Amino acid sequence: MNSSFNYTVYVQDVFSNYSVAMIVSGYNLTGASPISPTYDKGITTGPAVFTIKAPSTPTQLFLFFQVIGNLRGKLFYYNLTSVVNVKSYTILTATIRNPTDFNMTALNVTFSVNGKYVGSEIVNISRNSTKNITYEWVSGSLPTGIYTVTVSLNNTLVQLSNGGSYTFRVQEGNPFISYIYIGVLAFLVIIFAVILISGYYARKRRPKWKQ
């Protein structure tokens, strides 16, 4: 969601040249691009590569491709449709430290959430250094709750900060909404008090007529 990816169209080398057209459609294309037809023309060898930016909201993308091949002056048309599910993701983090005098390569940093494996990153780290690792977990919309992230390494010489475990909370709705309600209520109370005080002094200053 809200990130870019490449889509590659491979065509057999039977045409002297060919062109590929791509049309992106979907139910909600907010933040997506391109939203107009895109063309890769006059290709003689190699695939056609299209860069697509996903929408900023979870949805389904429908990618329509049309290949127009030229073979001895005759045109051939081929159509292909692909469906891409756009989901939200959660960024998981870890900090590792290499206290040794050796550079470490091909470290497997594994992430689990609530005891379930969700993914890993292969990284390198220089000697006597610290490195921050991020992993984009395609989690979808998470329900309300507390989630425990556990990080592990395939190398016992490299250290993990925070003991390799931390938690994060997913709260439904706006977590500050209660404070907003309290602020509005306090404001109304102040206005009401000002009106009462103003009315009291207005009555006090009113002249009294004697018969």
Protein backbone atom coordinates (compact mmCIF):
# COMPACT_ATOMS: atom_id res chain seq x y z
CA MET A 1 0.00 0.00 0.00
CA ASN A 2 1.32 3.42 -1.00
CA SER A 3 4.53 1.87 -2.36
CA SER A 4 5.89 1.17 -5.85
CA PHE A 5 6.51 -2.14 -7.56
CA ASN A 6 7.56 -3.33 -11.03
CA TYR A 7 5.49 -5.53 -13.32
CA THR A 8 7.38 -7.28 -16.11
CA VAL A 9 5.81 -8.57 -19.33
CA TYR A 10 7.85 -11.19 -21.21
CA VAL A 11 7.20 -11.79 -24.91
CA GLN A 12 8.68 -14.64 -26.94
CA ASP A 13 11.32 -13.57 -29.45
CA VAL A 14 9.26 -14.34 -32.52
CA PHE A 15 8.41 -10.74 -33.47
CA SER A 16 10.70 -8.29 -35.22
CA ASN A 17 9.39 -5.71 -32.71
CA TYR A 18 6.43 -5.29 -30.42
CA SER A 19 4.66 -2.79 -28.16
CA VAL A 20 2.93 -3.27 -24.81
CA ALA A 21 0.09 -1.14 -23.45
CA MET A 22 -0.95 -1.15 -19.78
CA ILE A 23 -4.19 0.15 -18.23
CA VAL A 24 -4.65 0.28 -14.45
CA SER A 25 -8.16 0.20 -12.97
CA GLY A 26 -9.69 -0.44 -9.57
CA TYR A 27 -12.38 0.51 -7.08
CA ASN A 28 -10.26 3.14 -5.32
CA LEU A 29 -7.16 4.53 -7.04
CA THR A 30 -6.38 7.28 -4.52
CA GLY A 31 -2.62 7.87 -4.63
CA ALA A 32 -2.06 5.34 -7.43
CA SER A 33 -0.10 5.95 -10.60
CA PRO A 34 -0.19 5.76 -13.53
CA ILE A 35 -3.96 6.14 -13.87
CA SER A 36 -3.84 6.76 -17.63
CA PRO A 37 -2.82 4.23 -20.31
CA THR A 38 0.94 3.61 -20.45
CA TYR A 39 2.84 2.39 -23.51
CA ASP A 40 6.21 0.75 -24.11
CA LYS A 41 6.72 0.92 -27.85
CA GLY A 42 9.16 -0.39 -30.42
CA ILE A 43 10.72 -3.13 -28.31
CA THR A 44 13.02 -5.45 -30.26
CA THR A 45 14.49 -7.57 -27.45
CA GLY A 46 13.93 -8.04 -23.77
CA PRO A 47 10.79 -7.62 -21.61
CA ALA A 48 8.60 -4.58 -21.02
CA VAL A 49 8.86 -3.24 -17.46
CA PHE A 50 6.18 -1.03 -15.90
CA THR A 51 6.51 0.76 -12.55
CA ILE A 52 3.24 1.01 -10.66
CA LYS A 53 2.56 2.93 -7.46
CA ALA A 54 -0.09 1.24 -5.33
CA PRO A 55 -3.02 3.23 -3.90
CA SER A 56 -2.87 4.66 -0.40
CA THR A 57 -5.86 2.54 0.70
CA PRO A 58 -6.37 -1.25 0.64
CA THR A 59 -8.12 -2.30 -2.56
CA GLN A 60 -7.80 -4.49 -5.67
CA LEU A 61 -5.90 -3.36 -8.76
CA PHE A 62 -6.80 -4.70 -12.18
CA LEU A 63 -3.90 -4.54 -14.64
CA PHE A 64 -4.81 -4.93 -18.29
CA PHE A 65 -1.96 -5.54 -20.76
CA GLN A 66 -2.13 -5.67 -24.53
CA VAL A 67 0.82 -6.88 -26.59
CA ILE A 68 0.95 -5.83 -30.25
CA GLY A 69 3.54 -7.90 -32.11
CA ASN A 70 4.87 -7.25 -35.60
CA LEU A 71 5.77 -10.36 -37.59
CA ARG A 72 6.71 -9.79 -41.23
CA GLY A 73 4.48 -6.74 -41.43
CA LYS A 74 1.46 -8.47 -39.87
CA LEU A 75 0.18 -7.41 -36.46
CA PHE A 76 -0.80 -9.85 -33.72
CA TYR A 77 -2.71 -8.85 -30.57
CA TYR A 78 -2.55 -10.59 -27.18
CA ASN A 79 -4.42 -9.53 -24.04
CA LEU A 80 -3.63 -10.32 -20.42
CA THR A 81 -5.34 -9.26 -17.18
CA SER A 82 -3.75 -9.54 -13.75
CA VAL A 83 -5.27 -8.84 -10.33
CA VAL A 84 -3.16 -7.36 -7.52
CA ASN A 85 -4.44 -7.22 -3.94
CA VAL A 86 -3.23 -4.03 -2.27
CA LYS A 87 -2.91 -4.50 1.50
CA SER A 88 -1.67 -2.34 4.34
CA TYR A 89 1.63 -3.22 5.99
CA THR A 90 3.20 -2.82 9.41
CA ILE A 91 6.84 -1.79 9.78
CA LEU A 92 8.78 -4.03 12.16
CA THR A 93 12.17 -2.88 13.43
CA ALA A 94 15.25 -4.36 15.06
CA THR A 95 18.67 -3.07 16.07
CA ILE A 96 21.67 -5.39 15.85
CA ARG A 97 25.23 -4.88 17.05
CA ASN A 98 28.44 -6.53 15.90
CA PRO A 99 30.97 -6.32 18.78
CA THR A 100 33.60 -8.38 16.97
CA ASP A 101 36.54 -7.30 14.78
CA PHE A 102 35.12 -9.13 11.78
CA ASN A 103 32.59 -8.07 9.14
CA MET A 104 29.50 -10.28 9.17
CA THR A 105 27.67 -11.15 5.97
CA ALA A 106 24.42 -12.91 5.07
CA LEU A 107 22.87 -12.53 8.50
CA ASN A 108 19.29 -13.82 8.61
CA VAL A 109 17.17 -11.49 10.78
CA THR A 110 13.86 -13.26 11.45
CA PHE A 111 10.67 -11.55 12.65
CA SER A 112 7.78 -13.25 14.44
CA VAL A 113 4.56 -11.68 15.71
CA ASN A 114 2.74 -13.33 18.61
CA GLY A 115 4.84 -16.44 18.06
CA LYS A 116 4.10 -16.69 14.32
CA TYR A 117 6.81 -16.25 11.68
CA VAL A 118 6.06 -13.29 9.38
CA GLY A 119 9.29 -12.74 7.43
CA SER A 120 13.03 -12.12 7.44
CA GLU A 121 15.77 -9.89 6.07
CA ILE A 122 19.26 -10.85 4.90
CA VAL A 123 21.75 -8.16 5.94
CA ASN A 124 25.45 -7.44 6.33
CA ILE A 125 27.03 -5.59 9.24
CA SER A 126 30.50 -4.13 9.60
CA ARG A 127 32.78 -4.89 12.52
CA ASN A 128 32.25 -2.96 15.79
CA SER A 129 29.09 -1.32 14.48
CA THR A 130 25.34 -1.09 15.02
CA LYS A 131 22.68 -1.38 12.35
CA ASN A 132 18.92 -0.70 12.28
CA ILE A 133 16.79 -3.22 10.39
CA THR A 134 13.26 -2.63 9.10
CA TYR A 135 10.86 -5.16 7.65
CA GLU A 136 7.55 -4.36 5.92
CA TRP A 137 5.13 -6.99 7.14
CA VAL A 138 2.08 -7.29 4.87
CA SER A 139 -0.26 -7.55 7.82
CA GLY A 140 -3.47 -6.10 6.42
CA SER A 141 -5.66 -4.17 8.86
CA LEU A 142 -4.79 -5.45 12.32
CA PRO A 143 -7.56 -5.86 14.91
CA THR A 144 -7.35 -4.02 18.21
CA GLY A 145 -4.88 -5.61 20.61
CA ILE A 146 -1.30 -5.86 21.84
CA TYR A 147 1.22 -7.57 19.56
CA THR A 148 4.58 -9.02 20.61
CA VAL A 149 7.39 -8.90 18.06
CA THR A 150 10.26 -11.39 18.48
CA VAL A 151 13.50 -11.00 16.54
CA SER A 152 16.09 -13.75 16.14
CA LEU A 153 19.45 -14.15 14.37
CA ASN A 154 21.32 -17.06 12.84
CA ASN A 155 24.60 -15.80 14.31
CA THR A 156 25.34 -15.96 18.05
CA LEU A 157 28.18 -13.40 17.84
CA VAL A 158 25.87 -10.58 16.74
CA GLN A 159 23.73 -9.07 19.49
CA LEU A 160 20.11 -7.86 19.51
CA SER A 161 18.96 -4.80 21.43
CA ASN A 162 15.99 -4.96 23.84
CA GLY A 163 16.54 -8.67 24.22
CA GLY A 164 15.12 -9.23 20.74
CA SER A 165 11.52 -8.62 21.80
CA TYR A 166 9.11 -5.68 22.02
CA THR A 167 5.37 -4.98 21.90
CA PHE A 168 3.14 -2.51 20.08
CA ARG A 169 -0.53 -1.67 20.54
CA VAL A 170 -3.22 -1.34 17.88
CA GLN A 171 -6.08 0.82 19.12
CA GLU A 172 -9.37 1.13 17.26
CA GLY A 173 -10.35 4.63 16.18
CA ASN A 174 -8.64 7.84 17.24
CA PRO A 175 -6.77 7.30 20.55
CA PHE A 176 -7.15 11.02 21.34
CA ILE A 177 -10.91 11.19 20.78
CA SER A 178 -11.67 11.01 24.53
CA TYR A 179 -9.39 13.98 25.14
CA ILE A 180 -11.17 15.89 22.37
CA TYR A 181 -14.53 15.23 24.02
CA ILE A 182 -13.18 16.35 27.42
CA GLY A 183 -11.80 19.55 25.86
CA VAL A 184 -15.10 20.38 24.17
CA LEU A 185 -17.03 19.73 27.39
CA ALA A 186 -14.66 21.94 29.39
CA PHE A 187 -15.04 24.71 26.81
CA LEU A 188 -18.86 24.54 27.03
CA VAL A 189 -18.70 24.66 30.84
CA ILE A 190 -16.54 27.78 30.69
CA ILE A 191 -18.94 29.47 28.25
CA PHE A 192 -21.92 28.60 30.47
CA ALA A 193 -20.13 29.99 33.54
CA VAL A 194 -19.32 33.25 31.72
CA ILE A 195 -22.98 33.64 30.72
CA LEU A 196 -24.15 33.10 34.35
CA ILE A 197 -21.62 35.58 35.74
CA SER A 198 -22.47 38.18 33.09
CA GLY A 199 -26.19 37.80 33.83
CA TYR A 200 -25.60 38.16 37.57
CA TYR A 201 -23.66 41.43 37.22
CA ALA A 202 -26.13 42.75 34.67
CA ARG A 203 -29.00 42.25 37.15
CA LYS A 204 -26.94 43.73 40.01
CA ARG A 205 -26.20 46.93 38.08
CA ARG A 206 -29.82 47.40 36.95
CA PRO A 207 -31.29 50.58 38.68
CA LYS A 208 -34.12 50.04 41.13
CA TRP A 209 -37.15 52.39 40.79
CA LYS A 210 -39.05 53.48 43.86
CA GLN A 211 -42.72 54.35 43.74
